[in-house]
């Protein structure tokens, strides 16, 4: 989760606590020269940093104590007044505001489930594909491929011929190509496969840039499309990216920009 979201939660929690001083009291886990470190600080730090999530609370508290000691020392030495530190603080502030502006743009136009489901349904047709399971024998010349087809028609076993003659990497596995979608293969090969029925072998060798193929179609299937819940995170991310792109485009269109 982005750090700014954790910061937002902390600020919100602080406001709620301030509004109910007699109902809720902050749990102080340590003090450093009078400065309190609260349980909320521990939880926020664990959220903001992936590694400490596996650490014990005491380890995180020790880390926060060290950070507070260093921070207090920097203030005591007036390091914030050094020009280089001023520049770094300004750049950090700029980064925080950049993130805040983008977060605000997303929060003002949130992504809804209805919107995501509409996109999912529109893209569902892309999942309606047929996958093929086939074997092939790849040789260098057409005459050899034709001879292999003749042998197959006379009862030769396809896998055995593939192991003996195929120059392709699948030859050692009897020419087994496993399951594949048509677009995964070069056009002449995929077109030939789609014209076959289960168990059929190509009547003529199929030429591609790799050589001459003898192809046997073993099976077909229509894979189950992923559920909405499975693809929802990816869809939401894509829509958010588009929201940000639209936001940036709007800023550019409304701005006077001169490039020299």
Foldseek 3Di string as FASTA:
>chain_A
DALVVLVVVVVVVVVVCVVCVPPDDWAFPDDDVNRTDTPSNLVSVCVNDVVCVPPDSVVSVVVVNVVVVVVVVCVVVVVCPDPVNVVVVVVVVVVSVVVVVLVVLCVVPDDDPVNLVVVCVVCVVVLFFKKFKKFKAFDAAFVVVQVVLVVVVVPDDQLVCLLVHHPDPCSVVSRTPGIDTLVVDPVQVSVQQVVDDAQDWDNGWTDDPRHTMIMHTHDMDRDDDDDSVVCVVVSSVVVSVVSSVVVVVVVVVPDDDDDD
